[in-house]
Amino acid sequence: MAAAVLLLGLLGCQPDTEHTTLRLAHTLDQEHVVHKAMALMAERLAEYSDGSMSIEIYSGGQLGSERELVELLQIGSLAMTKVSASPLEGFVPAMRVFSVPYIFSDNDHYWRVLESDLGQQLLQEIEQARLHGLGYYDAGSRSFYSTHTRIDSPADLRGKKFRVLNSQTAVRMVEALGGAATPIDWGELYTALQQGVVDGAENNPPSFYLSRHYEISRYYSLDEHTAVPDVLIMSLHVWQNLSPQQQAWVTRAAQDSIVYQREAWQQASDEALAAVKAAGVTVIYPDKEPFRQAVQPFHQSLMQTDIGPLLQRIAELDTPQSSPKESEHD
């Protein structure tokens, strides 16, 4: 990966007197809705800047794993990437709250948290890791898939090895449910499943489909244990070297891509589920209550840690808060 960066002469931001190019890299397939959102961001940035700024996108892990891309951002050798919030906990400890299972009651609760002061506070805390948070992409809910056995309850996870994100909280989540967790880079997972290094993994429907993991993992159990957002981030060094006008253009283009991606996500997820079903995958809709009960001791243990207050604030946002004016008319 380092050699590839050197060969490209890669700089996160390559300004000249007329034009500024921002380098963006990610690990996903070009058919993924997140890539399409980033392509839209590139189009909008060129439009808003009247052609004075552009984004070059390197997809499919060409420049490394998610963690390697974050490290390139930290030194200013890459401008932008998308990273799941879970691996970010290695850089920003508060981000591990998103890897705690069953903290959101539904999709409205999830977005209420991301768009709240708490969600924005977590984005701002990214700056301590020399990164600038531009916003959240929807990554849906993560569910288990396995190569040989159905997963109808936590008991079906026992004795099985599951790939998880590079997150100690994700590891503890699988262990709380009775499985054995194995962090593996996304680009290496297909082979790991094929060779039996792990018995399965967990992810959202579009990632399960576009990665072609369904070719090996024939059971997909929609237990929806976590809703871990993707985070669109930028090198703080690159960000600070942009002019205020350039920062405004980037922010506006990023927000356009976030709106597009959020609207397109559900359709992409529905299409992915239909496609894997058509390919012969058994899609299971388990009773989630046994899963919720299995992780209650894990939840209780976290309430005594530094993310306990965050979990409390997330719980408090479960019900929409009425404004005084709305309350008068109840």
C-alpha atoms as a PDB file:
ATOM      1  CA  MET A   1       0.000   0.000   0.000  1.00  0.00           C
ATOM      2  CA  ALA A   2       2.783   2.444   0.888  1.00  0.00           C
ATOM      3  CA  ALA A   3       4.458   1.740  -2.456  1.00  0.00           C
ATOM      4  CA  ALA A   4       1.212   2.507  -4.261  1.00  0.00           C
ATOM      5  CA  VAL A   5       1.007   5.843  -2.475  1.00  0.00           C
ATOM      6  CA  LEU A   6       4.560   6.693  -3.420  1.00  0.00           C
ATOM      7  CA  LEU A   7       4.037   5.687  -7.051  1.00  0.00           C
ATOM      8  CA  LEU A   8       1.022   7.951  -7.261  1.00  0.00           C
ATOM      9  CA  GLY A   9       3.001  10.798  -5.776  1.00  0.00           C
ATOM     10  CA  LEU A  10      -0.031  11.040  -3.541  1.00  0.00           C
ATOM     11  CA  LEU A  11      -0.740  14.190  -1.628  1.00  0.00           C
ATOM     12  CA  GLY A  12      -4.021  14.681   0.161  1.00  0.00           C
ATOM     13  CA  CYS A  13      -4.478  18.058  -1.411  1.00  0.00           C
ATOM     14  CA  GLN A  14      -2.642  19.213  -4.512  1.00  0.00           C
ATOM     15  CA  PRO A  15      -3.198  22.920  -4.992  1.00  0.00           C
ATOM     16  CA  ASP A  16      -1.804  25.100  -7.733  1.00  0.00           C
ATOM     17  CA  THR A  17      -2.592  28.673  -8.606  1.00  0.00           C
ATOM     18  CA  GLU A  18      -5.753  27.662 -10.471  1.00  0.00           C
ATOM     19  CA  HIS A  19      -6.937  24.323  -9.123  1.00  0.00           C
ATOM     20  CA  THR A  20      -7.105  22.200  -5.969  1.00  0.00           C
ATOM     21  CA  THR A  21      -7.465  18.420  -6.170  1.00  0.00           C
ATOM     22  CA  LEU A  22      -8.606  16.460  -3.123  1.00  0.00           C
ATOM     23  CA  ARG A  23      -7.737  12.745  -3.000  1.00  0.00           C
ATOM     24  CA  LEU A  24     -10.444  10.482  -1.589  1.00  0.00           C
ATOM     25  CA  ALA A  25     -10.068   6.730  -1.037  1.00  0.00           C
ATOM     26  CA  HIS A  26     -12.364   4.044   0.357  1.00  0.00           C
ATOM     27  CA  THR A  27     -12.668   0.250   0.503  1.00  0.00           C
ATOM     28  CA  LEU A  28     -16.052  -0.288  -1.170  1.00  0.00           C
ATOM     29  CA  ASP A  29     -17.226  -1.505  -4.592  1.00  0.00           C
ATOM     30  CA  GLN A  30     -18.135   1.216  -7.107  1.00  0.00           C
ATOM     31  CA  GLU A  31     -21.716  -0.079  -7.186  1.00  0.00           C
ATOM     32  CA  HIS A  32     -22.109   0.646  -3.473  1.00  0.00           C
ATOM     33  CA  VAL A  33     -24.442   3.530  -2.674  1.00  0.00           C
ATOM     34  CA  VAL A  34     -21.691   5.165  -0.566  1.00  0.00           C
ATOM     35  CA  HIS A  35     -19.376   5.301  -3.590  1.00  0.00           C
ATOM     36  CA  LYS A  36     -22.192   6.787  -5.659  1.00  0.00           C
ATOM     37  CA  ALA A  37     -22.731   9.424  -2.969  1.00  0.00           C
ATOM     38  CA  MET A  38     -19.043  10.296  -3.065  1.00  0.00           C
ATOM     39  CA  ALA A  39     -19.168  10.577  -6.862  1.00  0.00           C
ATOM     40  CA  LEU A  40     -22.066  13.014  -6.444  1.00  0.00           C
ATOM     41  CA  MET A  41     -20.004  14.973  -3.920  1.00  0.00           C
ATOM     42  CA  ALA A  42     -17.212  15.271  -6.491  1.00  0.00           C
ATOM     43  CA  GLU A  43     -19.673  16.540  -9.101  1.00  0.00           C
ATOM     44  CA  ARG A  44     -21.160  19.107  -6.731  1.00  0.00           C
ATOM     45  CA  LEU A  45     -17.774  20.350  -5.528  1.00  0.00           C
ATOM     46  CA  ALA A  46     -16.682  20.968  -9.121  1.00  0.00           C
ATOM     47  CA  GLU A  47     -19.968  22.804  -9.712  1.00  0.00           C
ATOM     48  CA  TYR A  48     -19.878  24.932  -6.556  1.00  0.00           C
ATOM     49  CA  SER A  49     -16.228  25.873  -7.031  1.00  0.00           C
ATOM     50  CA  ASP A  50     -16.757  26.685 -10.704  1.00  0.00           C
ATOM     51  CA  GLY A  51     -14.185  24.058 -11.612  1.00  0.00           C
ATOM     52  CA  SER A  52     -11.467  25.301  -9.268  1.00  0.00           C
ATOM     53  CA  MET A  53     -11.688  22.210  -7.033  1.00  0.00           C
ATOM     54  CA  SER A  54     -12.045  18.512  -7.780  1.00  0.00           C
ATOM     55  CA  ILE A  55     -12.091  15.154  -5.993  1.00  0.00           C
ATOM     56  CA  GLU A  56     -10.230  12.093  -7.269  1.00  0.00           C
ATOM     57  CA  ILE A  57     -11.734   8.859  -5.936  1.00  0.00           C
ATOM     58  CA  TYR A  58      -9.778   5.634  -5.360  1.00  0.00           C
ATOM     59  CA  SER A  59     -12.257   2.831  -4.632  1.00  0.00           C
ATOM     60  CA  GLY A  60     -12.081  -0.826  -3.644  1.00  0.00           C
ATOM     61  CA  GLY A  61      -9.249  -0.587  -1.131  1.00  0.00           C
ATOM     62  CA  GLN A  62      -6.675   0.434  -3.752  1.00  0.00           C
ATOM     63  CA  LEU A  63      -4.809   2.488  -1.160  1.00  0.00           C
ATOM     64  CA  GLY A  64      -5.283   0.260   1.873  1.00  0.00           C
ATOM     65  CA  SER A  65      -7.648  -0.817   4.621  1.00  0.00           C
ATOM     66  CA  GLU A  66      -9.915   1.595   6.484  1.00  0.00           C
ATOM     67  CA  ARG A  67      -7.383   1.990   9.283  1.00  0.00           C
ATOM     68  CA  GLU A  68      -4.539   2.622   6.824  1.00  0.00           C
ATOM     69  CA  LEU A  69      -6.618   5.263   5.050  1.00  0.00           C
ATOM     70  CA  VAL A  70      -7.334   7.026   8.351  1.00  0.00           C
ATOM     71  CA  GLU A  71      -3.618   7.042   9.111  1.00  0.00           C
ATOM     72  CA  LEU A  72      -2.926   8.597   5.696  1.00  0.00           C
ATOM     73  CA  LEU A  73      -5.438  11.325   6.542  1.00  0.00           C
ATOM     74  CA  GLN A  74      -3.708  11.986   9.841  1.00  0.00           C
ATOM     75  CA  ILE A  75      -0.413  12.796   8.117  1.00  0.00           C
ATOM     76  CA  GLY A  76      -2.089  14.745   5.326  1.00  0.00           C
ATOM     77  CA  SER A  77      -1.161  12.282   2.555  1.00  0.00           C
ATOM     78  CA  LEU A  78      -4.824  11.714   1.728  1.00  0.00           C
ATOM     79  CA  ALA A  79      -7.649  14.238   1.917  1.00  0.00           C
ATOM     80  CA  MET A  80     -10.819  12.241   2.530  1.00  0.00           C
ATOM     81  CA  THR A  81     -12.251   8.818   3.281  1.00  0.00           C
ATOM     82  CA  LYS A  82     -15.286   7.037   4.626  1.00  0.00           C
ATOM     83  CA  VAL A  83     -14.781   4.948   7.719  1.00  0.00           C
ATOM     84  CA  SER A  84     -17.182   2.972   9.864  1.00  0.00           C
ATOM     85  CA  ALA A  85     -17.561   4.538  13.308  1.00  0.00           C
ATOM     86  CA  SER A  86     -16.388   1.282  14.930  1.00  0.00           C
ATOM     87  CA  PRO A  87     -12.732   1.371  13.804  1.00  0.00           C
ATOM     88  CA  LEU A  88     -12.694   5.076  14.664  1.00  0.00           C
ATOM     89  CA  GLU A  89     -12.873   4.122  18.350  1.00  0.00           C
ATOM     90  CA  GLY A  90      -9.147   3.355  18.115  1.00  0.00           C
ATOM     91  CA  PHE A  91      -8.646   7.072  17.443  1.00  0.00           C
ATOM     92  CA  VAL A  92     -11.648   8.598  19.264  1.00  0.00           C
ATOM     93  CA  PRO A  93     -12.742   6.417  22.232  1.00  0.00           C
ATOM     94  CA  ALA A  94     -16.250   7.915  22.442  1.00  0.00           C
ATOM     95  CA  MET A  95     -17.033   6.451  19.007  1.00  0.00           C
ATOM     96  CA  ARG A  96     -17.230   2.995  20.555  1.00  0.00           C
ATOM     97  CA  VAL A  97     -20.753   3.825  21.695  1.00  0.00           C
ATOM     98  CA  PHE A  98     -21.988   2.974  18.184  1.00  0.00           C
ATOM     99  CA  SER A  99     -20.735  -0.619  18.506  1.00  0.00           C
ATOM    100  CA  VAL A 100     -22.929  -1.270  21.538  1.00  0.00           C
ATOM    101  CA  PRO A 101     -25.807  -3.546  20.435  1.00  0.00           C
ATOM    102  CA  TYR A 102     -29.459  -2.559  20.514  1.00  0.00           C
ATOM    103  CA  ILE A 103     -29.080   1.052  21.641  1.00  0.00           C
ATOM    104  CA  PHE A 104     -31.513   2.404  19.013  1.00  0.00           C
ATOM    105  CA  SER A 105     -35.192   1.502  19.111  1.00  0.00           C
ATOM    106  CA  ASP A 106     -35.767   2.233  15.427  1.00  0.00           C
ATOM    107  CA  ASN A 107     -34.443   4.179  12.435  1.00  0.00           C
ATOM    108  CA  ASP A 108     -36.022   7.448  13.581  1.00  0.00           C
ATOM    109  CA  HIS A 109     -34.235   7.160  16.930  1.00  0.00           C
ATOM    110  CA  TYR A 110     -30.945   6.452  15.118  1.00  0.00           C
ATOM    111  CA  TRP A 111     -31.187   9.603  12.989  1.00  0.00           C
ATOM    112  CA  ARG A 112     -32.452  11.676  15.902  1.00  0.00           C
ATOM    113  CA  VAL A 113     -29.203  10.864  17.713  1.00  0.00           C
ATOM    114  CA  LEU A 114     -26.934  11.500  14.709  1.00  0.00           C
ATOM    115  CA  GLU A 115     -28.557  14.867  14.016  1.00  0.00           C
ATOM    116  CA  SER A 116     -28.639  15.910  17.678  1.00  0.00           C
ATOM    117  CA  ASP A 117     -26.092  17.951  19.609  1.00  0.00           C
ATOM    118  CA  LEU A 118     -24.675  14.612  20.798  1.00  0.00           C
ATOM    119  CA  GLY A 119     -24.103  13.405  17.229  1.00  0.00           C
ATOM    120  CA  GLN A 120     -22.412  16.690  16.330  1.00  0.00           C
ATOM    121  CA  GLN A 121     -20.332  16.579  19.520  1.00  0.00           C
ATOM    122  CA  LEU A 122     -18.985  13.153  18.526  1.00  0.00           C
ATOM    123  CA  LEU A 123     -18.105  14.502  15.073  1.00  0.00           C
ATOM    124  CA  GLN A 124     -16.219  17.395  16.632  1.00  0.00           C
ATOM    125  CA  GLU A 125     -14.270  15.070  18.923  1.00  0.00           C
ATOM    126  CA  ILE A 126     -12.709  13.529  15.826  1.00  0.00           C
ATOM    127  CA  GLU A 127     -10.491  16.602  15.584  1.00  0.00           C
ATOM    128  CA  GLN A 128      -8.424  15.348  18.548  1.00  0.00           C
ATOM    129  CA  ALA A 129      -7.228  12.611  16.166  1.00  0.00           C
ATOM    130  CA  ARG A 130      -6.180  15.179  13.500  1.00  0.00           C
ATOM    131  CA  LEU A 131      -9.328  14.473  11.502  1.00  0.00           C
ATOM    132  CA  HIS A 132     -12.273  16.663  10.507  1.00  0.00           C
ATOM    133  CA  GLY A 133     -15.779  15.145  10.513  1.00  0.00           C
ATOM    134  CA  LEU A 134     -17.991  16.175   7.600  1.00  0.00           C
ATOM    135  CA  GLY A 135     -21.036  14.090   8.514  1.00  0.00           C
ATOM    136  CA  TYR A 136     -22.637  10.676   8.773  1.00  0.00           C
ATOM    137  CA  TYR A 137     -23.654   8.267   6.038  1.00  0.00           C
ATOM    138  CA  ASP A 138     -26.362   5.689   6.680  1.00  0.00           C
ATOM    139  CA  ALA A 139     -24.921   2.180   7.020  1.00  0.00           C
ATOM    140  CA  GLY A 140     -28.168   0.541   8.065  1.00  0.00           C
ATOM    141  CA  SER A 141     -28.185  -2.267  10.611  1.00  0.00           C
ATOM    142  CA  ARG A 142     -25.597  -4.992  10.915  1.00  0.00           C
ATOM    143  CA  SER A 143     -26.735  -8.631  11.048  1.00  0.00           C
ATOM    144  CA  PHE A 144     -25.023 -12.018  11.150  1.00  0.00           C
ATOM    145  CA  TYR A 145     -24.384 -14.237   8.146  1.00  0.00           C
ATOM    146  CA  SER A 146     -22.890 -17.714   8.264  1.00  0.00           C
ATOM    147  CA  THR A 147     -21.561 -20.339   5.904  1.00  0.00           C
ATOM    148  CA  HIS A 148     -23.127 -23.539   7.224  1.00  0.00           C
ATOM    149  CA  THR A 149     -25.677 -22.970   9.990  1.00  0.00           C
ATOM    150  CA  ARG A 150     -28.813 -20.926  10.611  1.00  0.00           C
ATOM    151  CA  ILE A 151     -28.772 -18.293  13.317  1.00  0.00           C
ATOM    152  CA  ASP A 152     -32.186 -18.189  14.960  1.00  0.00           C
ATOM    153  CA  SER A 153     -31.049 -17.299  18.479  1.00  0.00           C
ATOM    154  CA  PRO A 154     -27.868 -16.400  20.416  1.00  0.00           C
ATOM    155  CA  ALA A 155     -27.412 -20.118  21.155  1.00  0.00           C
ATOM    156  CA  ASP A 156     -26.601 -20.644  17.465  1.00  0.00           C
ATOM    157  CA  LEU A 157     -23.537 -18.391  17.784  1.00  0.00           C
ATOM    158  CA  ARG A 158     -21.845 -20.532  20.415  1.00  0.00           C
ATOM    159  CA  GLY A 159     -18.614 -22.128  19.311  1.00  0.00           C
ATOM    160  CA  LYS A 160     -18.644 -20.169  16.034  1.00  0.00           C
ATOM    161  CA  LYS A 161     -16.064 -17.615  14.862  1.00  0.00           C
ATOM    162  CA  PHE A 162     -17.375 -14.393  13.362  1.00  0.00           C
ATOM    163  CA  ARG A 163     -15.474 -11.626  11.671  1.00  0.00           C
ATOM    164  CA  VAL A 164     -16.029  -8.205  13.232  1.00  0.00           C
ATOM    165  CA  LEU A 165     -14.778  -4.697  12.615  1.00  0.00           C
ATOM    166  CA  ASN A 166     -11.485  -3.692  14.211  1.00  0.00           C
ATOM    167  CA  SER A 167     -13.220  -2.601  17.409  1.00  0.00           C
ATOM    168  CA  GLN A 168     -12.864  -3.977  20.919  1.00  0.00           C
ATOM    169  CA  THR A 169     -16.489  -3.063  21.563  1.00  0.00           C
ATOM    170  CA  ALA A 170     -17.578  -5.103  18.530  1.00  0.00           C
ATOM    171  CA  VAL A 171     -15.503  -8.002  19.855  1.00  0.00           C
ATOM    172  CA  ARG A 172     -17.227  -7.775  23.241  1.00  0.00           C
ATOM    173  CA  MET A 173     -20.616  -7.545  21.543  1.00  0.00           C
ATOM    174  CA  VAL A 174     -20.148 -10.893  19.754  1.00  0.00           C
ATOM    175  CA  GLU A 175     -18.742 -12.460  22.900  1.00  0.00           C
ATOM    176  CA  ALA A 176     -21.765 -11.236  24.874  1.00  0.00           C
ATOM    177  CA  LEU A 177     -23.955 -13.090  22.394  1.00  0.00           C
ATOM    178  CA  GLY A 178     -21.896 -16.259  22.831  1.00  0.00           C
ATOM    179  CA  GLY A 179     -19.730 -16.219  19.710  1.00  0.00           C
ATOM    180  CA  ALA A 180     -15.987 -15.847  19.172  1.00  0.00           C
ATOM    181  CA  ALA A 181     -15.001 -12.578  17.487  1.00  0.00           C
ATOM    182  CA  THR A 182     -12.162 -12.281  14.960  1.00  0.00           C
ATOM    183  CA  PRO A 183     -11.219  -8.840  13.535  1.00  0.00           C
ATOM    184  CA  ILE A 184     -10.271  -9.214   9.847  1.00  0.00           C
ATOM    185  CA  ASP A 185      -9.764  -6.505   7.211  1.00  0.00           C
ATOM    186  CA  TRP A 186     -12.695  -6.226   4.820  1.00  0.00           C
ATOM    187  CA  GLY A 187     -10.571  -6.973   1.758  1.00  0.00           C
ATOM    188  CA  GLU A 188      -9.417 -10.281   3.270  1.00  0.00           C
ATOM    189  CA  LEU A 189     -12.817 -11.508   4.425  1.00  0.00           C
ATOM    190  CA  TYR A 190     -13.975 -13.331   1.284  1.00  0.00           C
ATOM    191  CA  THR A 191     -10.927 -15.595   1.427  1.00  0.00           C
ATOM    192  CA  ALA A 192     -11.302 -16.044   5.189  1.00  0.00           C
ATOM    193  CA  LEU A 193     -14.886 -17.225   4.713  1.00  0.00           C
ATOM    194  CA  GLN A 194     -13.880 -19.451   1.804  1.00  0.00           C
ATOM    195  CA  GLN A 195     -11.075 -21.104   3.766  1.00  0.00           C
ATOM    196  CA  GLY A 196     -13.096 -21.494   6.970  1.00  0.00           C
ATOM    197  CA  VAL A 197     -10.924 -19.116   8.991  1.00  0.00           C
ATOM    198  CA  VAL A 198     -14.247 -17.752  10.263  1.00  0.00           C
ATOM    199  CA  ASP A 199     -17.713 -19.299  10.235  1.00  0.00           C
ATOM    200  CA  GLY A 200     -19.387 -16.060   9.298  1.00  0.00           C
ATOM    201  CA  ALA A 201     -19.447 -12.303   9.664  1.00  0.00           C
ATOM    202  CA  GLU A 202     -21.873  -9.449  10.196  1.00  0.00           C
ATOM    203  CA  ASN A 203     -22.785  -6.510   8.015  1.00  0.00           C
ATOM    204  CA  ASN A 204     -25.599  -4.645   6.302  1.00  0.00           C
ATOM    205  CA  PRO A 205     -27.411  -6.040   3.224  1.00  0.00           C
ATOM    206  CA  PRO A 206     -25.681  -3.949   0.502  1.00  0.00           C
ATOM    207  CA  SER A 207     -22.213  -4.855   1.821  1.00  0.00           C
ATOM    208  CA  PHE A 208     -23.184  -8.540   2.135  1.00  0.00           C
ATOM    209  CA  TYR A 209     -24.384  -8.538  -1.474  1.00  0.00           C
ATOM    210  CA  LEU A 210     -21.771  -6.396  -3.237  1.00  0.00           C
ATOM    211  CA  SER A 211     -18.883  -8.176  -1.487  1.00  0.00           C
ATOM    212  CA  ARG A 212     -20.260 -11.451  -2.932  1.00  0.00           C
ATOM    213  CA  HIS A 213     -19.989 -13.009   0.521  1.00  0.00           C
ATOM    214  CA  TYR A 214     -23.405 -14.546  -0.150  1.00  0.00           C
ATOM    215  CA  GLU A 215     -21.652 -16.952  -2.542  1.00  0.00           C
ATOM    216  CA  ILE A 216     -20.146 -18.656   0.507  1.00  0.00           C
ATOM    217  CA  SER A 217     -22.381 -17.593   3.395  1.00  0.00           C
ATOM    218  CA  ARG A 218     -25.780 -19.091   2.644  1.00  0.00           C
ATOM    219  CA  TYR A 219     -27.596 -17.948   5.798  1.00  0.00           C
ATOM    220  CA  TYR A 220     -28.361 -14.314   6.624  1.00  0.00           C
ATOM    221  CA  SER A 221     -30.090 -13.655   9.935  1.00  0.00           C
ATOM    222  CA  LEU A 222     -31.567 -10.164  10.288  1.00  0.00           C
ATOM    223  CA  ASP A 223     -31.067  -9.771  14.022  1.00  0.00           C
ATOM    224  CA  GLU A 224     -29.999  -6.149  13.394  1.00  0.00           C
ATOM    225  CA  HIS A 225     -27.798  -5.987  16.484  1.00  0.00           C
ATOM    226  CA  THR A 226     -26.046  -2.701  15.769  1.00  0.00           C
ATOM    227  CA  ALA A 227     -26.586   0.407  13.665  1.00  0.00           C
ATOM    228  CA  VAL A 228     -23.059   1.728  13.120  1.00  0.00           C
ATOM    229  CA  PRO A 229     -22.943   4.833  10.897  1.00  0.00           C
ATOM    230  CA  ASP A 230     -20.277   5.492   8.342  1.00  0.00           C
ATOM    231  CA  VAL A 231     -18.416   8.745   8.939  1.00  0.00           C
ATOM    232  CA  LEU A 232     -17.225  10.979   6.130  1.00  0.00           C
ATOM    233  CA  ILE A 233     -13.941  12.425   7.343  1.00  0.00           C
ATOM    234  CA  MET A 234     -11.213  14.682   6.079  1.00  0.00           C
ATOM    235  CA  SER A 235      -7.595  15.229   7.023  1.00  0.00           C
ATOM    236  CA  LEU A 236      -7.537  18.099   9.526  1.00  0.00           C
ATOM    237  CA  HIS A 237      -4.241  19.254   7.989  1.00  0.00           C
ATOM    238  CA  VAL A 238      -5.794  19.397   4.507  1.00  0.00           C
ATOM    239  CA  TRP A 239      -8.968  21.020   5.834  1.00  0.00           C
ATOM    240  CA  GLN A 240      -7.065  23.765   7.628  1.00  0.00           C
ATOM    241  CA  ASN A 241      -5.058  24.528   4.496  1.00  0.00           C
ATOM    242  CA  LEU A 242      -8.211  25.296   2.518  1.00  0.00           C
ATOM    243  CA  SER A 243      -9.538  28.844   2.386  1.00  0.00           C
ATOM    244  CA  PRO A 244     -12.833  29.607   4.163  1.00  0.00           C
ATOM    245  CA  GLN A 245     -14.545  29.708   0.758  1.00  0.00           C
ATOM    246  CA  GLN A 246     -13.122  26.307  -0.193  1.00  0.00           C
ATOM    247  CA  GLN A 247     -14.196  24.874   3.164  1.00  0.00           C
ATOM    248  CA  ALA A 248     -17.723  26.143   2.534  1.00  0.00           C
ATOM    249  CA  TRP A 249     -17.800  24.482  -0.896  1.00  0.00           C
ATOM    250  CA  VAL A 250     -16.558  21.165   0.502  1.00  0.00           C
ATOM    251  CA  THR A 251     -19.084  21.290   3.361  1.00  0.00           C
ATOM    252  CA  ARG A 252     -21.956  22.019   0.984  1.00  0.00           C
ATOM    253  CA  ALA A 253     -20.942  19.245  -1.442  1.00  0.00           C
ATOM    254  CA  ALA A 254     -20.548  16.793   1.450  1.00  0.00           C
ATOM    255  CA  GLN A 255     -24.014  17.629   2.784  1.00  0.00           C
ATOM    256  CA  ASP A 256     -25.507  17.061  -0.676  1.00  0.00           C
ATOM    257  CA  SER A 257     -23.897  13.632  -0.801  1.00  0.00           C
ATOM    258  CA  ILE A 258     -25.171  12.794   2.701  1.00  0.00           C
ATOM    259  CA  VAL A 259     -28.769  13.703   1.757  1.00  0.00           C
ATOM    260  CA  TYR A 260     -28.519  11.631  -1.440  1.00  0.00           C
ATOM    261  CA  GLN A 261     -26.985   8.635   0.330  1.00  0.00           C
ATOM    262  CA  ARG A 262     -29.552   8.622   3.119  1.00  0.00           C
ATOM    263  CA  GLU A 263     -32.426   8.678   0.619  1.00  0.00           C
ATOM    264  CA  ALA A 264     -30.870   5.992  -1.573  1.00  0.00           C
ATOM    265  CA  TRP A 265     -29.879   3.652   1.260  1.00  0.00           C
ATOM    266  CA  GLN A 266     -33.216   1.931   1.884  1.00  0.00           C
ATOM    267  CA  GLN A 267     -33.708   1.135  -1.803  1.00  0.00           C
ATOM    268  CA  ALA A 268     -30.163  -0.255  -2.023  1.00  0.00           C
ATOM    269  CA  SER A 269     -30.780  -2.376   1.064  1.00  0.00           C
ATOM    270  CA  ASP A 270     -34.093  -3.748  -0.257  1.00  0.00           C
ATOM    271  CA  GLU A 271     -32.543  -4.550  -3.627  1.00  0.00           C
ATOM    272  CA  ALA A 272     -29.600  -6.315  -1.978  1.00  0.00           C
ATOM    273  CA  LEU A 273     -31.899  -8.509   0.115  1.00  0.00           C
ATOM    274  CA  ALA A 274     -33.946  -9.414  -2.951  1.00  0.00           C
ATOM    275  CA  ALA A 275     -30.775 -10.282  -4.871  1.00  0.00           C
ATOM    276  CA  VAL A 276     -29.320 -12.592  -2.218  1.00  0.00           C
ATOM    277  CA  LYS A 277     -32.675 -14.324  -1.824  1.00  0.00           C
ATOM    278  CA  ALA A 278     -32.773 -14.867  -5.587  1.00  0.00           C
ATOM    279  CA  ALA A 279     -29.268 -16.352  -5.347  1.00  0.00           C
ATOM    280  CA  GLY A 280     -30.526 -18.971  -2.900  1.00  0.00           C
ATOM    281  CA  VAL A 281     -29.503 -17.431   0.440  1.00  0.00           C
ATOM    282  CA  THR A 282     -31.813 -18.291   3.326  1.00  0.00           C
ATOM    283  CA  VAL A 283     -32.804 -14.975   4.911  1.00  0.00           C
ATOM    284  CA  ILE A 284     -33.969 -15.402   8.504  1.00  0.00           C
ATOM    285  CA  TYR A 285     -36.071 -12.966  10.548  1.00  0.00           C
ATOM    286  CA  PRO A 286     -35.364 -14.072  14.129  1.00  0.00           C
ATOM    287  CA  ASP A 287     -37.090 -12.950  17.298  1.00  0.00           C
ATOM    288  CA  LYS A 288     -34.786 -10.143  18.478  1.00  0.00           C
ATOM    289  CA  GLU A 289     -35.826 -10.288  22.132  1.00  0.00           C
ATOM    290  CA  PRO A 290     -33.459 -13.176  23.082  1.00  0.00           C
ATOM    291  CA  PHE A 291     -30.596 -11.219  21.490  1.00  0.00           C
ATOM    292  CA  ARG A 292     -31.535  -8.083  23.427  1.00  0.00           C
ATOM    293  CA  GLN A 293     -31.702 -10.034  26.665  1.00  0.00           C
ATOM    294  CA  ALA A 294     -28.333 -11.691  26.027  1.00  0.00           C
ATOM    295  CA  VAL A 295     -26.533  -8.331  25.872  1.00  0.00           C
ATOM    296  CA  GLN A 296     -28.162  -6.738  28.938  1.00  0.00           C
ATOM    297  CA  PRO A 297     -25.208  -7.619  31.239  1.00  0.00           C
ATOM    298  CA  PHE A 298     -22.887  -6.033  28.653  1.00  0.00           C
ATOM    299  CA  HIS A 299     -25.044  -2.882  28.673  1.00  0.00           C
ATOM    300  CA  GLN A 300     -24.978  -2.722  32.454  1.00  0.00           C
ATOM    301  CA  SER A 301     -21.196  -3.064  32.567  1.00  0.00           C
ATOM    302  CA  LEU A 302     -20.835  -0.117  30.175  1.00  0.00           C
ATOM    303  CA  MET A 303     -22.997   2.184  32.280  1.00  0.00           C
ATOM    304  CA  GLN A 304     -20.101   2.409  34.770  1.00  0.00           C
ATOM    305  CA  THR A 305     -17.610   3.496  32.075  1.00  0.00           C
ATOM    306  CA  ASP A 306     -16.950   6.820  30.357  1.00  0.00           C
ATOM    307  CA  ILE A 307     -19.528   6.019  27.665  1.00  0.00           C
ATOM    308  CA  GLY A 308     -22.239   5.464  30.263  1.00  0.00           C
ATOM    309  CA  PRO A 309     -23.398   9.118  30.027  1.00  0.00           C
ATOM    310  CA  LEU A 310     -23.484   8.816  26.216  1.00  0.00           C
ATOM    311  CA  LEU A 311     -25.678   5.723  26.429  1.00  0.00           C
ATOM    312  CA  GLN A 312     -27.969   7.587  28.814  1.00  0.00           C
ATOM    313  CA  ARG A 313     -28.273  10.543  26.440  1.00  0.00           C
ATOM    314  CA  ILE A 314     -29.032   8.185  23.538  1.00  0.00           C
ATOM    315  CA  ALA A 315     -31.788   6.554  25.599  1.00  0.00           C
ATOM    316  CA  GLU A 316     -33.242   9.975  26.429  1.00  0.00           C
ATOM    317  CA  LEU A 317     -33.485  10.763  22.694  1.00  0.00           C
ATOM    318  CA  ASP A 318     -35.652   7.704  22.080  1.00  0.00           C
ATOM    319  CA  THR A 319     -38.812   9.816  22.271  1.00  0.00           C
ATOM    320  CA  PRO A 320     -39.136  12.981  20.144  1.00  0.00           C
ATOM    321  CA  GLN A 321     -39.085  16.099  22.269  1.00  0.00           C
ATOM    322  CA  SER A 322     -42.108  18.328  21.719  1.00  0.00           C
ATOM    323  CA  SER A 323     -41.577  22.048  21.455  1.00  0.00           C
ATOM    324  CA  PRO A 324     -43.464  24.325  23.882  1.00  0.00           C
ATOM    325  CA  LYS A 325     -45.741  25.444  21.036  1.00  0.00           C
ATOM    326  CA  GLU A 326     -46.572  21.851  20.105  1.00  0.00           C
ATOM    327  CA  SER A 327     -47.275  21.020  23.751  1.00  0.00           C
ATOM    328  CA  GLU A 328     -49.827  23.841  23.998  1.00  0.00           C
ATOM    329  CA  HIS A 329     -51.938  22.151  21.329  1.00  0.00           C
ATOM    330  CA  ASP A 330     -51.783  18.605  22.697  1.00  0.00           C
END
